Amino acid sequence: MKVSIYSIAKPEKSLYSPLYKELQKMISKFSQLEDIEIFNKKIHQAQVEGMASAQAAYSEAFSPYLSKGYNIALHPDGKLIDSFKFGKLLGDKITVNFYIGGAYGFEDGFLKQCDQVISLSELTMSHKIAKAVLLEQVFRGFAINHNHPYHK
């Protein structure tokens, strides 16, 4: 199985980098993981222009990846699920792609192209925190699916 995380973010080292690396290492016991951060001049300019332009730029950046597997957007208005249901999302797929939007979120059209739209919490969080929570839940989901004691 392969899990890919696509996020609108400037690739940079941050205080979260060691946590990401540790969680990625844990996930690698169960799955190949790809972490792709996308931030280009078009996205930067679109964010200066405003919400509609930014959301369109995010959709354009993510579009090439939508045809490659089961697509899950992370969105505050998405469905709240528990860790066991999250594990089931991973269960029988060959490729799962997660999308973390930029500061302005997603266009409705992009969300409709995804197979699922879920929320990690009713709380608002930065994309860096969202990625940490997502990575932990991916590992937890695999642990549940493989009866690994981590989830208990």
C-alpha atoms as a PDB file:
ATOM      1  CA  MET A   1       0.000   0.000   0.000  1.00  0.00           C
ATOM      2  CA  LYS A   2       1.019   3.585  -0.593  1.00  0.00           C
ATOM      3  CA  VAL A   3      -0.111   6.686   1.306  1.00  0.00           C
ATOM      4  CA  SER A   4       0.543  10.146  -0.106  1.00  0.00           C
ATOM      5  CA  ILE A   5       0.016  13.418   1.721  1.00  0.00           C
ATOM      6  CA  TYR A   6      -0.256  16.511  -0.456  1.00  0.00           C
ATOM      7  CA  SER A   7      -0.277  19.870   1.271  1.00  0.00           C
ATOM      8  CA  ILE A   8      -0.154  23.511   0.319  1.00  0.00           C
ATOM      9  CA  ALA A   9       2.933  24.500   2.263  1.00  0.00           C
ATOM     10  CA  LYS A  10       6.372  25.919   1.730  1.00  0.00           C
ATOM     11  CA  PRO A  11       8.856  23.056   2.061  1.00  0.00           C
ATOM     12  CA  GLU A  12      10.864  24.002   5.115  1.00  0.00           C
ATOM     13  CA  LYS A  13      12.313  22.513   8.246  1.00  0.00           C
ATOM     14  CA  SER A  14      10.331  23.370  11.320  1.00  0.00           C
ATOM     15  CA  LEU A  15      10.109  22.317  14.930  1.00  0.00           C
ATOM     16  CA  TYR A  16       7.632  19.668  13.723  1.00  0.00           C
ATOM     17  CA  SER A  17      10.155  18.023  11.369  1.00  0.00           C
ATOM     18  CA  PRO A  18      11.487  15.519  13.955  1.00  0.00           C
ATOM     19  CA  LEU A  19       7.913  14.491  14.824  1.00  0.00           C
ATOM     20  CA  TYR A  20       7.048  14.039  11.144  1.00  0.00           C
ATOM     21  CA  LYS A  21      10.171  11.923  10.632  1.00  0.00           C
ATOM     22  CA  GLU A  22       9.392   9.725  13.635  1.00  0.00           C
ATOM     23  CA  LEU A  23       5.791   9.155  12.531  1.00  0.00           C
ATOM     24  CA  GLN A  24       6.893   8.511   8.941  1.00  0.00           C
ATOM     25  CA  LYS A  25       9.354   5.894  10.223  1.00  0.00           C
ATOM     26  CA  MET A  26       6.577   4.216  12.217  1.00  0.00           C
ATOM     27  CA  ILE A  27       4.253   4.205   9.188  1.00  0.00           C
ATOM     28  CA  SER A  28       6.978   2.707   6.987  1.00  0.00           C
ATOM     29  CA  LYS A  29       6.513  -0.601   8.839  1.00  0.00           C
ATOM     30  CA  PHE A  30       3.100  -0.866   7.177  1.00  0.00           C
ATOM     31  CA  SER A  31       3.150   1.271   4.046  1.00  0.00           C
ATOM     32  CA  GLN A  32       5.146   3.379   1.664  1.00  0.00           C
ATOM     33  CA  LEU A  33       4.609   7.057   2.525  1.00  0.00           C
ATOM     34  CA  GLU A  34       5.074  10.080   0.322  1.00  0.00           C
ATOM     35  CA  ASP A  35       4.910  13.619   1.737  1.00  0.00           C
ATOM     36  CA  ILE A  36       4.607  16.307  -0.935  1.00  0.00           C
ATOM     37  CA  GLU A  37       4.476  19.993  -0.049  1.00  0.00           C
ATOM     38  CA  ILE A  38       3.408  22.266  -2.875  1.00  0.00           C
ATOM     39  CA  PHE A  39       3.942  26.007  -2.933  1.00  0.00           C
ATOM     40  CA  ASN A  40       4.780  27.861  -6.114  1.00  0.00           C
ATOM     41  CA  LYS A  41       4.681  31.437  -7.421  1.00  0.00           C
ATOM     42  CA  LYS A  42       1.156  30.955  -8.760  1.00  0.00           C
ATOM     43  CA  ILE A  43      -0.121  29.915  -5.322  1.00  0.00           C
ATOM     44  CA  HIS A  44       1.728  32.791  -3.656  1.00  0.00           C
ATOM     45  CA  GLN A  45       0.251  35.339  -6.085  1.00  0.00           C
ATOM     46  CA  ALA A  46      -3.222  33.821  -5.824  1.00  0.00           C
ATOM     47  CA  GLN A  47      -3.149  34.084  -2.029  1.00  0.00           C
ATOM     48  CA  VAL A  48      -2.321  37.780  -2.367  1.00  0.00           C
ATOM     49  CA  GLU A  49      -5.343  38.178  -4.685  1.00  0.00           C
ATOM     50  CA  GLY A  50      -7.784  36.547  -2.277  1.00  0.00           C
ATOM     51  CA  MET A  51      -9.785  33.475  -1.388  1.00  0.00           C
ATOM     52  CA  ALA A  52     -11.299  32.549  -4.762  1.00  0.00           C
ATOM     53  CA  SER A  53      -7.958  32.846  -6.578  1.00  0.00           C
ATOM     54  CA  ALA A  54      -6.131  30.942  -3.856  1.00  0.00           C
ATOM     55  CA  GLN A  55      -8.631  28.095  -3.817  1.00  0.00           C
ATOM     56  CA  ALA A  56      -8.456  27.829  -7.616  1.00  0.00           C
ATOM     57  CA  ALA A  57      -4.653  27.689  -7.450  1.00  0.00           C
ATOM     58  CA  TYR A  58      -4.795  24.932  -4.808  1.00  0.00           C
ATOM     59  CA  SER A  59      -7.197  22.920  -6.982  1.00  0.00           C
ATOM     60  CA  GLU A  60      -4.927  23.326  -9.969  1.00  0.00           C
ATOM     61  CA  ALA A  61      -1.886  22.220  -7.957  1.00  0.00           C
ATOM     62  CA  PHE A  62      -3.660  19.114  -6.617  1.00  0.00           C
ATOM     63  CA  SER A  63      -5.503  18.117  -9.829  1.00  0.00           C
ATOM     64  CA  PRO A  64      -2.726  15.985 -11.370  1.00  0.00           C
ATOM     65  CA  TYR A  65      -2.788  13.680  -8.337  1.00  0.00           C
ATOM     66  CA  LEU A  66      -6.540  12.996  -8.258  1.00  0.00           C
ATOM     67  CA  SER A  67      -6.383  10.189 -10.826  1.00  0.00           C
ATOM     68  CA  LYS A  68      -3.920   8.162  -8.751  1.00  0.00           C
ATOM     69  CA  GLY A  69      -5.878   6.348  -6.052  1.00  0.00           C
ATOM     70  CA  TYR A  70      -8.479   6.972  -3.370  1.00  0.00           C
ATOM     71  CA  ASN A  71      -8.638  10.696  -2.568  1.00  0.00           C
ATOM     72  CA  ILE A  72      -9.447  12.152   0.841  1.00  0.00           C
ATOM     73  CA  ALA A  73      -9.588  15.899   1.465  1.00  0.00           C
ATOM     74  CA  LEU A  74      -9.170  17.209   4.992  1.00  0.00           C
ATOM     75  CA  HIS A  75     -11.716  19.927   5.556  1.00  0.00           C
ATOM     76  CA  PRO A  76     -13.256  21.500   8.687  1.00  0.00           C
ATOM     77  CA  ASP A  77     -16.769  20.749   7.386  1.00  0.00           C
ATOM     78  CA  GLY A  78     -15.897  17.164   6.505  1.00  0.00           C
ATOM     79  CA  LYS A  79     -17.222  14.074   8.232  1.00  0.00           C
ATOM     80  CA  LEU A  80     -15.866  13.431  11.723  1.00  0.00           C
ATOM     81  CA  ILE A  81     -14.772   9.818  12.099  1.00  0.00           C
ATOM     82  CA  ASP A  82     -13.109   7.840  14.857  1.00  0.00           C
ATOM     83  CA  SER A  83      -9.774   6.047  14.568  1.00  0.00           C
ATOM     84  CA  PHE A  84     -11.391   2.673  13.801  1.00  0.00           C
ATOM     85  CA  LYS A  85     -13.323   4.131  10.853  1.00  0.00           C
ATOM     86  CA  PHE A  86     -10.142   5.896   9.785  1.00  0.00           C
ATOM     87  CA  GLY A  87      -8.376   2.530   9.791  1.00  0.00           C
ATOM     88  CA  LYS A  88     -11.138   1.115   7.579  1.00  0.00           C
ATOM     89  CA  LEU A  89     -10.493   3.931   5.086  1.00  0.00           C
ATOM     90  CA  LEU A  90      -6.958   2.590   4.730  1.00  0.00           C
ATOM     91  CA  GLY A  91      -7.939  -1.062   4.872  1.00  0.00           C
ATOM     92  CA  ASP A  92      -8.511  -2.260   1.339  1.00  0.00           C
ATOM     93  CA  LYS A  93      -6.967   0.485  -0.764  1.00  0.00           C
ATOM     94  CA  ILE A  94      -3.813   0.252  -2.860  1.00  0.00           C
ATOM     95  CA  THR A  95      -3.158   4.000  -2.898  1.00  0.00           C
ATOM     96  CA  VAL A  96      -4.645   6.633  -0.591  1.00  0.00           C
ATOM     97  CA  ASN A  97      -4.046  10.339  -1.150  1.00  0.00           C
ATOM     98  CA  PHE A  98      -4.718  12.920   1.553  1.00  0.00           C
ATOM     99  CA  TYR A  99      -5.015  16.627   0.730  1.00  0.00           C
ATOM    100  CA  ILE A 100      -4.339  19.429   3.213  1.00  0.00           C
ATOM    101  CA  GLY A 101      -5.415  22.766   1.782  1.00  0.00           C
ATOM    102  CA  GLY A 102      -3.827  26.150   2.156  1.00  0.00           C
ATOM    103  CA  ALA A 103      -4.917  29.100   4.250  1.00  0.00           C
ATOM    104  CA  TYR A 104      -8.117  29.548   2.214  1.00  0.00           C
ATOM    105  CA  GLY A 105      -9.260  25.923   2.152  1.00  0.00           C
ATOM    106  CA  PHE A 106     -10.736  24.148  -0.857  1.00  0.00           C
ATOM    107  CA  GLU A 107     -13.098  24.973  -3.683  1.00  0.00           C
ATOM    108  CA  ASP A 108     -16.357  23.013  -3.562  1.00  0.00           C
ATOM    109  CA  GLY A 109     -15.499  21.606  -6.997  1.00  0.00           C
ATOM    110  CA  PHE A 110     -12.277  20.085  -5.687  1.00  0.00           C
ATOM    111  CA  LEU A 111     -14.039  18.556  -2.693  1.00  0.00           C
ATOM    112  CA  LYS A 112     -16.611  16.948  -5.011  1.00  0.00           C
ATOM    113  CA  GLN A 113     -13.794  15.301  -6.985  1.00  0.00           C
ATOM    114  CA  CYS A 114     -12.526  13.553  -3.846  1.00  0.00           C
ATOM    115  CA  ASP A 115     -13.837  10.175  -2.716  1.00  0.00           C
ATOM    116  CA  GLN A 116     -14.148  11.344   0.889  1.00  0.00           C
ATOM    117  CA  VAL A 117     -14.022  14.610   2.796  1.00  0.00           C
ATOM    118  CA  ILE A 118     -13.154  14.202   6.457  1.00  0.00           C
ATOM    119  CA  SER A 119     -12.356  16.468   9.371  1.00  0.00           C
ATOM    120  CA  LEU A 120      -9.629  15.728  11.882  1.00  0.00           C
ATOM    121  CA  SER A 121     -11.398  17.841  14.502  1.00  0.00           C
ATOM    122  CA  GLU A 122     -13.957  20.550  15.000  1.00  0.00           C
ATOM    123  CA  LEU A 123     -11.023  22.717  16.057  1.00  0.00           C
ATOM    124  CA  THR A 124      -9.200  24.878  13.542  1.00  0.00           C
ATOM    125  CA  MET A 125      -5.516  23.998  13.264  1.00  0.00           C
ATOM    126  CA  SER A 126      -2.555  25.055  11.182  1.00  0.00           C
ATOM    127  CA  HIS A 127      -1.530  22.826   8.293  1.00  0.00           C
ATOM    128  CA  LYS A 128       1.604  21.827  10.252  1.00  0.00           C
ATOM    129  CA  ILE A 129      -0.457  20.587  13.186  1.00  0.00           C
ATOM    130  CA  ALA A 130      -2.972  18.967  10.821  1.00  0.00           C
ATOM    131  CA  LYS A 131      -0.132  17.043   9.169  1.00  0.00           C
ATOM    132  CA  ALA A 132       1.128  15.805  12.549  1.00  0.00           C
ATOM    133  CA  VAL A 133      -2.371  14.674  13.547  1.00  0.00           C
ATOM    134  CA  LEU A 134      -2.888  13.036  10.144  1.00  0.00           C
ATOM    135  CA  LEU A 135       0.431  11.160  10.311  1.00  0.00           C
ATOM    136  CA  GLU A 136      -0.393   9.914  13.802  1.00  0.00           C
ATOM    137  CA  GLN A 137      -3.842   8.753  12.680  1.00  0.00           C
ATOM    138  CA  VAL A 138      -2.410   6.998   9.626  1.00  0.00           C
ATOM    139  CA  PHE A 139      -0.076   5.045  11.913  1.00  0.00           C
ATOM    140  CA  ARG A 140      -2.896   4.403  14.392  1.00  0.00           C
ATOM    141  CA  GLY A 141      -5.141   3.198  11.550  1.00  0.00           C
ATOM    142  CA  PHE A 142      -2.501   0.737  10.382  1.00  0.00           C
ATOM    143  CA  ALA A 143      -1.913  -0.374  13.988  1.00  0.00           C
ATOM    144  CA  ILE A 144      -5.640  -1.072  14.378  1.00  0.00           C
ATOM    145  CA  ASN A 145      -5.773  -2.954  11.061  1.00  0.00           C
ATOM    146  CA  HIS A 146      -2.767  -5.105  12.009  1.00  0.00           C
ATOM    147  CA  ASN A 147      -3.718  -5.670  15.670  1.00  0.00           C
ATOM    148  CA  HIS A 148      -0.597  -3.794  16.773  1.00  0.00           C
ATOM    149  CA  PRO A 149      -0.847  -2.778  20.462  1.00  0.00           C
ATOM    150  CA  TYR A 150      -0.214   0.946  19.763  1.00  0.00           C
ATOM    151  CA  HIS A 151      -3.915   1.792  19.453  1.00  0.00           C
ATOM    152  CA  LYS A 152      -4.875   0.445  22.882  1.00  0.00           C
END
